[in-house]
Structures are given as structure tokens and as C-alpha cells.
């Protein structure tokens, strides 16, 4: 009898373990589905905002103005050194009016990063559906270069470069760091030589850095983008010796 009881106990434990694994997998799938839905919704909202902006002649709404002014101040003075009061003052609105749209500096940065992260996710999903070839890597860099060139995406990257300490453990900073990691993984295989992995990282940095390294005011945005893209492409697909 004790032997049968032990056997039954083991069977019940095994069944409970299988059920726990099944529930964990279902929960993970649901979380992944919700994350995908959130990204799609963010992309949809961003596209609607762009269409609305074009219909109204490109004049940004109050929320967008807050984001732009806050981003300028965070980059100029530093994230920690900038207050909501200073953002409101530069906008020429009351702090209460600012609170209507954003309750904290973190909310402002998260709103900016969520939009950019959604666009990067869309680009990554495209790339992951393509064969892992040099052609895909080149096309990915060209598309990401165009994304940086549009809107204020490169300004967000410059903000992160100048506020690395403040963003080290910030939710928005961690999200953007994860996206950067995904892009680098896409450009190099995990078992690739270390030098190739470094080149992939530097390719992304080259696209970002042109916006804050080249300080000559005579250099146009188009020239910055072209120079950075040339360097990035040479890093992931270096010319072969003759």
C-alpha cells in the first residue's frame, strides 16, 4: 500500500509540474501578444499623428511641443538638472497646463522612446523576416539611417548619449538599450569573431554619432547622413582586398 501511495504521489507531482509549465507558457504567450499589440498601437498612433500634422500644415500640437522643448533642455542642461517648471517656462505655459499632458519627466521621455522603439521594432521585424545576408544588413542600415533622418529620432539618440548615467537604470533607457542590442545582434552572428561583433556595434554608433560629432554648421543633414551611412556600410561589409 505505501508503495502505491508513493507512486500516486509522484504521479500527482508530475501532473502538477506539467500543468504549471503549461500555465507558464500560456502566460508568456499572452504577455508576448500584449507586447505586440502595444507596439502595433504605438505605431498606429504615430502614423495618425503624422497624417494629422500634414493635414494641419505641420504645426505640432501642445503635446509634441512639450516633447520637443523637454528634449532640447534635457540635452542642453542634462536630464537631472532640468525641472518641469523650466520646461513650462520655456513653453510659456503654466506648470498645471504641463501636468495635463505629462505628470513627470519620466513620462515625457517614455513617450518619446516608446514611439522610437515602436519604429525600431517594425524595422527589426522586417529584417528578421529576411535572409541573414550581407544584402539584408546593408538594407537594414540604410533603412535605419533614414529613420534617424526623419523627425527627431537622432535628437533622442543624442539625448541618450549625453545622459547615459541618468538613463542607466531608467525604464526608457533600458528599453532603448534593449533595442540597440537587438540591432547589433542582427548585424552580427553570436558566434562571429569578436572583431566582427565590434564592427556591428560601431556601425550603429556611426549612424548615431554623426549628429553630435560633426560640429561644422556648414555640414547639412543630408551630408551627415551620407557620410555616416558610408562608414556604417563599410564596417558590416568591408571591401575585400584585391
C-alpha atoms as a PDB file:
ATOM      1  CA  UNK A   1       0.000   0.000   0.000  1.00  0.00           C
ATOM      2  CA  UNK A   2       2.741   2.560   0.894  1.00  0.00           C
ATOM      3  CA  UNK A   3       4.440   1.804  -2.437  1.00  0.00           C
ATOM      4  CA  UNK A   4       1.237   2.540  -4.351  1.00  0.00           C
ATOM      5  CA  UNK A   5       0.755   5.738  -2.329  1.00  0.00           C
ATOM      6  CA  UNK A   6       4.252   6.890  -3.202  1.00  0.00           C
ATOM      7  CA  UNK A   7       3.682   6.120  -6.860  1.00  0.00           C
ATOM      8  CA  UNK A   8       0.421   8.066  -6.824  1.00  0.00           C
ATOM      9  CA  UNK A   9       2.137  10.968  -5.094  1.00  0.00           C
ATOM     10  CA  UNK A  10       4.867  11.051  -7.746  1.00  0.00           C
ATOM     11  CA  UNK A  11       2.234  10.938 -10.484  1.00  0.00           C
ATOM     12  CA  UNK A  12       0.366  13.849  -8.931  1.00  0.00           C
ATOM     13  CA  UNK A  13       3.557  15.880  -8.583  1.00  0.00           C
ATOM     14  CA  UNK A  14       4.452  15.213 -12.209  1.00  0.00           C
ATOM     15  CA  UNK A  15       0.953  16.179 -13.331  1.00  0.00           C
ATOM     16  CA  UNK A  16       1.110  19.355 -11.262  1.00  0.00           C
ATOM     17  CA  UNK A  17       4.512  20.158 -12.776  1.00  0.00           C
ATOM     18  CA  UNK A  18       3.176  19.713 -16.309  1.00  0.00           C
ATOM     19  CA  UNK A  19       0.209  21.924 -15.512  1.00  0.00           C
ATOM     20  CA  UNK A  20       2.468  24.615 -14.067  1.00  0.00           C
ATOM     21  CA  UNK A  21       4.649  24.547 -17.184  1.00  0.00           C
ATOM     22  CA  UNK A  22       1.571  24.758 -19.414  1.00  0.00           C
ATOM     23  CA  UNK A  23       0.221  27.741 -17.479  1.00  0.00           C
ATOM     24  CA  UNK A  24       3.604  29.459 -17.569  1.00  0.00           C
ATOM     25  CA  UNK A  25       3.805  29.008 -21.344  1.00  0.00           C
ATOM     26  CA  UNK A  26       0.291  30.364 -21.811  1.00  0.00           C
ATOM     27  CA  UNK A  27       1.136  33.366 -19.625  1.00  0.00           C
ATOM     28  CA  UNK A  28       4.314  34.005 -21.631  1.00  0.00           C
ATOM     29  CA  UNK A  29       2.396  33.789 -24.909  1.00  0.00           C
ATOM     30  CA  UNK A  30      -0.216  36.213 -23.583  1.00  0.00           C
ATOM     31  CA  UNK A  31       2.459  38.665 -22.455  1.00  0.00           C
ATOM     32  CA  UNK A  32       4.134  38.450 -25.858  1.00  0.00           C
ATOM     33  CA  UNK A  33       0.787  39.011 -27.586  1.00  0.00           C
ATOM     34  CA  UNK A  34       0.057  42.047 -25.427  1.00  0.00           C
ATOM     35  CA  UNK A  35       3.522  43.443 -26.136  1.00  0.00           C
ATOM     36  CA  UNK A  36       3.000  43.015 -29.890  1.00  0.00           C
ATOM     37  CA  UNK A  37      -0.404  44.672 -29.671  1.00  0.00           C
ATOM     38  CA  UNK A  38       1.090  47.586 -27.729  1.00  0.00           C
ATOM     39  CA  UNK A  39       3.801  48.067 -30.345  1.00  0.00           C
ATOM     40  CA  UNK A  40       1.241  47.969 -33.159  1.00  0.00           C
ATOM     41  CA  UNK A  41      -0.935  50.504 -31.354  1.00  0.00           C
ATOM     42  CA  UNK A  42       2.021  52.821 -30.804  1.00  0.00           C
ATOM     43  CA  UNK A  43       2.924  52.590 -34.489  1.00  0.00           C
ATOM     44  CA  UNK A  44      -0.696  53.284 -35.456  1.00  0.00           C
ATOM     45  CA  UNK A  45      -0.862  56.335 -33.215  1.00  0.00           C
ATOM     46  CA  UNK A  46       2.442  57.650 -34.550  1.00  0.00           C
ATOM     47  CA  UNK A  47       1.244  57.305 -38.126  1.00  0.00           C
ATOM     48  CA  UNK A  48      -2.042  59.024 -37.320  1.00  0.00           C
ATOM     49  CA  UNK A  49      -0.131  61.851 -35.668  1.00  0.00           C
ATOM     50  CA  UNK A  50       1.993  62.248 -38.791  1.00  0.00           C
ATOM     51  CA  UNK A  51      -1.105  62.351 -41.012  1.00  0.00           C
ATOM     52  CA  UNK A  52      -2.770  64.880 -38.718  1.00  0.00           C
ATOM     53  CA  UNK A  53       0.356  67.013 -38.760  1.00  0.00           C
ATOM     54  CA  UNK A  54       0.399  67.043 -42.559  1.00  0.00           C
ATOM     55  CA  UNK A  55      -3.293  67.950 -42.698  1.00  0.00           C
ATOM     56  CA  UNK A  56      -2.784  70.876 -40.335  1.00  0.00           C
ATOM     57  CA  UNK A  57       0.214  72.200 -42.221  1.00  0.00           C
ATOM     58  CA  UNK A  58       2.783  70.576 -39.975  1.00  0.00           C
ATOM     59  CA  UNK A  59       2.098  72.699 -36.871  1.00  0.00           C
ATOM     60  CA  UNK A  60       2.883  70.495 -33.841  1.00  0.00           C
ATOM     61  CA  UNK A  61       0.239  70.080 -31.143  1.00  0.00           C
ATOM     62  CA  UNK A  62       0.833  71.004 -27.496  1.00  0.00           C
ATOM     63  CA  UNK A  63       1.960  67.513 -26.512  1.00  0.00           C
ATOM     64  CA  UNK A  64       4.518  67.447 -29.324  1.00  0.00           C
ATOM     65  CA  UNK A  65       5.769  70.927 -28.405  1.00  0.00           C
ATOM     66  CA  UNK A  66       6.308  69.766 -24.809  1.00  0.00           C
ATOM     67  CA  UNK A  67       8.294  66.772 -26.047  1.00  0.00           C
ATOM     68  CA  UNK A  68      10.458  68.918 -28.311  1.00  0.00           C
ATOM     69  CA  UNK A  69      11.203  71.566 -25.671  1.00  0.00           C
ATOM     70  CA  UNK A  70      11.870  68.968 -22.974  1.00  0.00           C
ATOM     71  CA  UNK A  71      14.217  67.054 -25.250  1.00  0.00           C
ATOM     72  CA  UNK A  72      16.151  70.249 -26.028  1.00  0.00           C
ATOM     73  CA  UNK A  73      16.501  71.103 -22.337  1.00  0.00           C
ATOM     74  CA  UNK A  74      17.397  67.564 -21.286  1.00  0.00           C
ATOM     75  CA  UNK A  75      20.146  67.547 -23.904  1.00  0.00           C
ATOM     76  CA  UNK A  76      21.401  71.063 -23.173  1.00  0.00           C
ATOM     77  CA  UNK A  77      21.333  71.017 -19.367  1.00  0.00           C
ATOM     78  CA  UNK A  78      21.067  67.345 -18.505  1.00  0.00           C
ATOM     79  CA  UNK A  79      18.079  65.267 -17.501  1.00  0.00           C
ATOM     80  CA  UNK A  80      18.618  65.521 -13.738  1.00  0.00           C
ATOM     81  CA  UNK A  81      19.282  69.283 -13.850  1.00  0.00           C
ATOM     82  CA  UNK A  82      16.086  70.126 -15.754  1.00  0.00           C
ATOM     83  CA  UNK A  83      12.776  70.605 -13.920  1.00  0.00           C
ATOM     84  CA  UNK A  84       9.197  70.533 -15.155  1.00  0.00           C
ATOM     85  CA  UNK A  85       8.944  74.181 -14.136  1.00  0.00           C
ATOM     86  CA  UNK A  86      11.773  75.085 -16.527  1.00  0.00           C
ATOM     87  CA  UNK A  87      10.086  73.174 -19.339  1.00  0.00           C
ATOM     88  CA  UNK A  88       6.823  75.032 -18.689  1.00  0.00           C
ATOM     89  CA  UNK A  89       8.628  78.379 -18.592  1.00  0.00           C
ATOM     90  CA  UNK A  90      10.322  77.833 -21.941  1.00  0.00           C
ATOM     91  CA  UNK A  91       6.998  76.787 -23.431  1.00  0.00           C
ATOM     92  CA  UNK A  92       5.289  79.825 -21.938  1.00  0.00           C
ATOM     93  CA  UNK A  93       2.629  77.768 -20.175  1.00  0.00           C
ATOM     94  CA  UNK A  94       1.761  77.113 -16.541  1.00  0.00           C
ATOM     95  CA  UNK A  95       3.044  74.045 -14.732  1.00  0.00           C
ATOM     96  CA  UNK A  96      -0.580  72.932 -14.353  1.00  0.00           C
ATOM     97  CA  UNK A  97      -1.008  73.035 -18.128  1.00  0.00           C
ATOM     98  CA  UNK A  98       2.102  70.885 -18.493  1.00  0.00           C
ATOM     99  CA  UNK A  99       0.741  68.421 -15.910  1.00  0.00           C
ATOM    100  CA  UNK A 100      -2.346  67.938 -18.080  1.00  0.00           C
ATOM    101  CA  UNK A 101      -0.154  66.125 -20.613  1.00  0.00           C
ATOM    102  CA  UNK A 102       2.728  64.772 -18.518  1.00  0.00           C
ATOM    103  CA  UNK A 103       2.970  64.199 -14.776  1.00  0.00           C
ATOM    104  CA  UNK A 104       6.750  63.729 -14.693  1.00  0.00           C
ATOM    105  CA  UNK A 105       9.948  63.949 -16.703  1.00  0.00           C
ATOM    106  CA  UNK A 106       9.964  60.159 -16.933  1.00  0.00           C
ATOM    107  CA  UNK A 107       6.598  60.263 -18.691  1.00  0.00           C
ATOM    108  CA  UNK A 108       7.957  62.695 -21.277  1.00  0.00           C
ATOM    109  CA  UNK A 109      10.982  60.543 -22.052  1.00  0.00           C
ATOM    110  CA  UNK A 110       8.902  57.361 -22.125  1.00  0.00           C
ATOM    111  CA  UNK A 111       6.515  58.951 -24.630  1.00  0.00           C
ATOM    112  CA  UNK A 112       9.448  59.826 -26.885  1.00  0.00           C
ATOM    113  CA  UNK A 113      11.159  56.465 -26.513  1.00  0.00           C
ATOM    114  CA  UNK A 114       8.016  54.359 -26.985  1.00  0.00           C
ATOM    115  CA  UNK A 115       7.441  55.940 -30.386  1.00  0.00           C
ATOM    116  CA  UNK A 116      11.059  55.386 -31.465  1.00  0.00           C
ATOM    117  CA  UNK A 117      11.157  51.867 -30.026  1.00  0.00           C
ATOM    118  CA  UNK A 118       7.999  51.006 -31.974  1.00  0.00           C
ATOM    119  CA  UNK A 119       9.588  52.189 -35.200  1.00  0.00           C
ATOM    120  CA  UNK A 120      12.754  50.211 -34.486  1.00  0.00           C
ATOM    121  CA  UNK A 121      10.649  47.137 -33.683  1.00  0.00           C
ATOM    122  CA  UNK A 122       8.877  47.478 -37.009  1.00  0.00           C
ATOM    123  CA  UNK A 123      12.240  47.679 -38.766  1.00  0.00           C
ATOM    124  CA  UNK A 124      13.599  44.684 -36.839  1.00  0.00           C
ATOM    125  CA  UNK A 125      10.547  42.602 -37.692  1.00  0.00           C
ATOM    126  CA  UNK A 126      11.123  43.355 -41.358  1.00  0.00           C
ATOM    127  CA  UNK A 127      14.801  42.411 -41.115  1.00  0.00           C
ATOM    128  CA  UNK A 128      14.159  39.203 -39.180  1.00  0.00           C
ATOM    129  CA  UNK A 129      11.833  38.038 -41.953  1.00  0.00           C
ATOM    130  CA  UNK A 130      14.665  38.411 -44.476  1.00  0.00           C
ATOM    131  CA  UNK A 131      17.561  36.002 -45.080  1.00  0.00           C
ATOM    132  CA  UNK A 132      20.641  36.808 -42.969  1.00  0.00           C
ATOM    133  CA  UNK A 133      22.770  38.026 -45.845  1.00  0.00           C
ATOM    134  CA  UNK A 134      25.094  40.981 -46.451  1.00  0.00           C
ATOM    135  CA  UNK A 135      22.355  42.490 -48.607  1.00  0.00           C
ATOM    136  CA  UNK A 136      19.896  42.398 -45.705  1.00  0.00           C
ATOM    137  CA  UNK A 137      22.411  44.021 -43.383  1.00  0.00           C
ATOM    138  CA  UNK A 138      23.058  46.813 -45.871  1.00  0.00           C
ATOM    139  CA  UNK A 139      19.340  47.386 -46.425  1.00  0.00           C
ATOM    140  CA  UNK A 140      18.734  47.416 -42.681  1.00  0.00           C
ATOM    141  CA  UNK A 141      21.386  50.091 -42.131  1.00  0.00           C
ATOM    142  CA  UNK A 142      20.013  52.180 -44.973  1.00  0.00           C
ATOM    143  CA  UNK A 143      16.501  51.995 -43.535  1.00  0.00           C
ATOM    144  CA  UNK A 144      17.695  52.794 -40.024  1.00  0.00           C
ATOM    145  CA  UNK A 145      19.693  55.718 -41.375  1.00  0.00           C
ATOM    146  CA  UNK A 146      16.505  57.037 -42.984  1.00  0.00           C
ATOM    147  CA  UNK A 147      14.614  56.564 -39.715  1.00  0.00           C
ATOM    148  CA  UNK A 148      17.243  58.619 -37.879  1.00  0.00           C
ATOM    149  CA  UNK A 149      16.964  61.297 -40.539  1.00  0.00           C
ATOM    150  CA  UNK A 150      13.206  61.606 -40.051  1.00  0.00           C
ATOM    151  CA  UNK A 151      11.584  63.604 -37.272  1.00  0.00           C
ATOM    152  CA  UNK A 152      13.626  63.953 -34.105  1.00  0.00           C
ATOM    153  CA  UNK A 153      14.866  60.375 -33.780  1.00  0.00           C
ATOM    154  CA  UNK A 154      18.513  61.416 -33.988  1.00  0.00           C
ATOM    155  CA  UNK A 155      17.824  64.033 -31.292  1.00  0.00           C
ATOM    156  CA  UNK A 156      16.604  61.276 -28.980  1.00  0.00           C
ATOM    157  CA  UNK A 157      19.817  59.326 -29.649  1.00  0.00           C
ATOM    158  CA  UNK A 158      21.857  62.454 -28.858  1.00  0.00           C
ATOM    159  CA  UNK A 159      19.903  62.836 -25.618  1.00  0.00           C
ATOM    160  CA  UNK A 160      20.848  59.292 -24.578  1.00  0.00           C
ATOM    161  CA  UNK A 161      24.487  59.896 -25.461  1.00  0.00           C
ATOM    162  CA  UNK A 162      24.582  62.949 -23.188  1.00  0.00           C
ATOM    163  CA  UNK A 163      22.560  61.451 -20.332  1.00  0.00           C
ATOM    164  CA  UNK A 164      23.990  57.942 -20.081  1.00  0.00           C
ATOM    165  CA  UNK A 165      24.306  57.974 -16.288  1.00  0.00           C
ATOM    166  CA  UNK A 166      20.746  59.213 -15.705  1.00  0.00           C
ATOM    167  CA  UNK A 167      19.326  56.662 -18.145  1.00  0.00           C
ATOM    168  CA  UNK A 168      21.371  53.677 -16.921  1.00  0.00           C
ATOM    169  CA  UNK A 169      18.502  52.305 -14.804  1.00  0.00           C
ATOM    170  CA  UNK A 170      15.637  54.328 -16.245  1.00  0.00           C
ATOM    171  CA  UNK A 171      12.803  52.338 -17.828  1.00  0.00           C
ATOM    172  CA  UNK A 172      13.077  54.247 -21.103  1.00  0.00           C
ATOM    173  CA  UNK A 173      16.844  53.864 -21.105  1.00  0.00           C
ATOM    174  CA  UNK A 174      16.643  50.115 -20.564  1.00  0.00           C
ATOM    175  CA  UNK A 175      14.105  49.777 -23.385  1.00  0.00           C
ATOM    176  CA  UNK A 176      16.266  51.689 -25.848  1.00  0.00           C
ATOM    177  CA  UNK A 177      19.364  49.752 -24.788  1.00  0.00           C
ATOM    178  CA  UNK A 178      17.498  46.502 -25.479  1.00  0.00           C
ATOM    179  CA  UNK A 179      16.581  47.737 -28.968  1.00  0.00           C
ATOM    180  CA  UNK A 180      20.197  48.688 -29.637  1.00  0.00           C
ATOM    181  CA  UNK A 181      21.222  45.182 -28.587  1.00  0.00           C
ATOM    182  CA  UNK A 182      18.709  43.637 -30.979  1.00  0.00           C
ATOM    183  CA  UNK A 183      20.040  45.715 -33.847  1.00  0.00           C
ATOM    184  CA  UNK A 184      23.626  44.729 -33.113  1.00  0.00           C
ATOM    185  CA  UNK A 185      22.615  41.052 -32.903  1.00  0.00           C
ATOM    186  CA  UNK A 186      21.003  41.415 -36.306  1.00  0.00           C
ATOM    187  CA  UNK A 187      24.199  42.780 -37.827  1.00  0.00           C
ATOM    188  CA  UNK A 188      26.473  40.030 -36.482  1.00  0.00           C
ATOM    189  CA  UNK A 189      26.057  36.373 -35.616  1.00  0.00           C
ATOM    190  CA  UNK A 190      26.552  35.491 -31.938  1.00  0.00           C
ATOM    191  CA  UNK A 191      29.363  33.090 -32.850  1.00  0.00           C
ATOM    192  CA  UNK A 192      31.028  35.605 -35.163  1.00  0.00           C
ATOM    193  CA  UNK A 193      34.620  36.641 -34.423  1.00  0.00           C
ATOM    194  CA  UNK A 194      34.877  39.298 -31.744  1.00  0.00           C
ATOM    195  CA  UNK A 195      36.195  41.834 -34.243  1.00  0.00           C
ATOM    196  CA  UNK A 196      33.054  41.389 -36.394  1.00  0.00           C
ATOM    197  CA  UNK A 197      30.849  41.894 -33.336  1.00  0.00           C
ATOM    198  CA  UNK A 198      32.695  45.137 -32.591  1.00  0.00           C
ATOM    199  CA  UNK A 199      32.207  46.267 -36.184  1.00  0.00           C
ATOM    200  CA  UNK A 200      28.445  45.692 -35.887  1.00  0.00           C
ATOM    201  CA  UNK A 201      28.313  47.823 -32.742  1.00  0.00           C
ATOM    202  CA  UNK A 202      30.385  50.566 -34.334  1.00  0.00           C
ATOM    203  CA  UNK A 203      28.135  50.594 -37.408  1.00  0.00           C
ATOM    204  CA  UNK A 204      25.161  51.592 -35.262  1.00  0.00           C
ATOM    205  CA  UNK A 205      27.295  54.100 -33.347  1.00  0.00           C
ATOM    206  CA  UNK A 206      28.487  55.623 -36.640  1.00  0.00           C
ATOM    207  CA  UNK A 207      24.899  56.359 -37.657  1.00  0.00           C
ATOM    208  CA  UNK A 208      24.206  57.977 -34.268  1.00  0.00           C
ATOM    209  CA  UNK A 209      27.455  59.849 -33.757  1.00  0.00           C
ATOM    210  CA  UNK A 210      27.355  61.909 -36.930  1.00  0.00           C
ATOM    211  CA  UNK A 211      24.652  64.050 -35.280  1.00  0.00           C
ATOM    212  CA  UNK A 212      26.848  65.140 -32.388  1.00  0.00           C
ATOM    213  CA  UNK A 213      30.454  64.599 -33.541  1.00  0.00           C
ATOM    214  CA  UNK A 214      30.361  66.643 -36.744  1.00  0.00           C
ATOM    215  CA  UNK A 215      30.038  70.174 -35.364  1.00  0.00           C
ATOM    216  CA  UNK A 216      30.658  72.135 -38.559  1.00  0.00           C
ATOM    217  CA  UNK A 217      27.489  74.238 -39.059  1.00  0.00           C
ATOM    218  CA  UNK A 218      28.116  74.197 -42.806  1.00  0.00           C
ATOM    219  CA  UNK A 219      27.557  70.431 -42.946  1.00  0.00           C
ATOM    220  CA  UNK A 220      23.972  69.699 -43.978  1.00  0.00           C
ATOM    221  CA  UNK A 221      21.827  66.921 -42.521  1.00  0.00           C
ATOM    222  CA  UNK A 222      21.941  65.109 -45.859  1.00  0.00           C
ATOM    223  CA  UNK A 223      25.740  65.234 -45.838  1.00  0.00           C
ATOM    224  CA  UNK A 224      25.852  63.949 -42.264  1.00  0.00           C
ATOM    225  CA  UNK A 225      23.603  61.059 -43.098  1.00  0.00           C
ATOM    226  CA  UNK A 226      25.514  60.129 -46.260  1.00  0.00           C
ATOM    227  CA  UNK A 227      28.898  60.183 -44.512  1.00  0.00           C
ATOM    228  CA  UNK A 228      27.667  58.124 -41.550  1.00  0.00           C
ATOM    229  CA  UNK A 229      25.967  55.562 -43.781  1.00  0.00           C
ATOM    230  CA  UNK A 230      29.125  55.143 -45.864  1.00  0.00           C
ATOM    231  CA  UNK A 231      31.122  54.377 -42.725  1.00  0.00           C
ATOM    232  CA  UNK A 232      28.449  52.044 -41.290  1.00  0.00           C
ATOM    233  CA  UNK A 233      28.221  50.046 -44.509  1.00  0.00           C
ATOM    234  CA  UNK A 234      31.996  49.691 -44.716  1.00  0.00           C
ATOM    235  CA  UNK A 235      32.023  48.243 -41.181  1.00  0.00           C
ATOM    236  CA  UNK A 236      29.480  45.468 -41.734  1.00  0.00           C
ATOM    237  CA  UNK A 237      30.517  44.754 -45.313  1.00  0.00           C
ATOM    238  CA  UNK A 238      34.161  45.808 -45.640  1.00  0.00           C
ATOM    239  CA  UNK A 239      35.643  45.866 -49.151  1.00  0.00           C
ATOM    240  CA  UNK A 240      37.535  42.724 -49.995  1.00  0.00           C
ATOM    241  CA  UNK A 241      41.263  43.042 -50.775  1.00  0.00           C
ATOM    242  CA  UNK A 242      42.128  42.684 -54.431  1.00  0.00           C
END
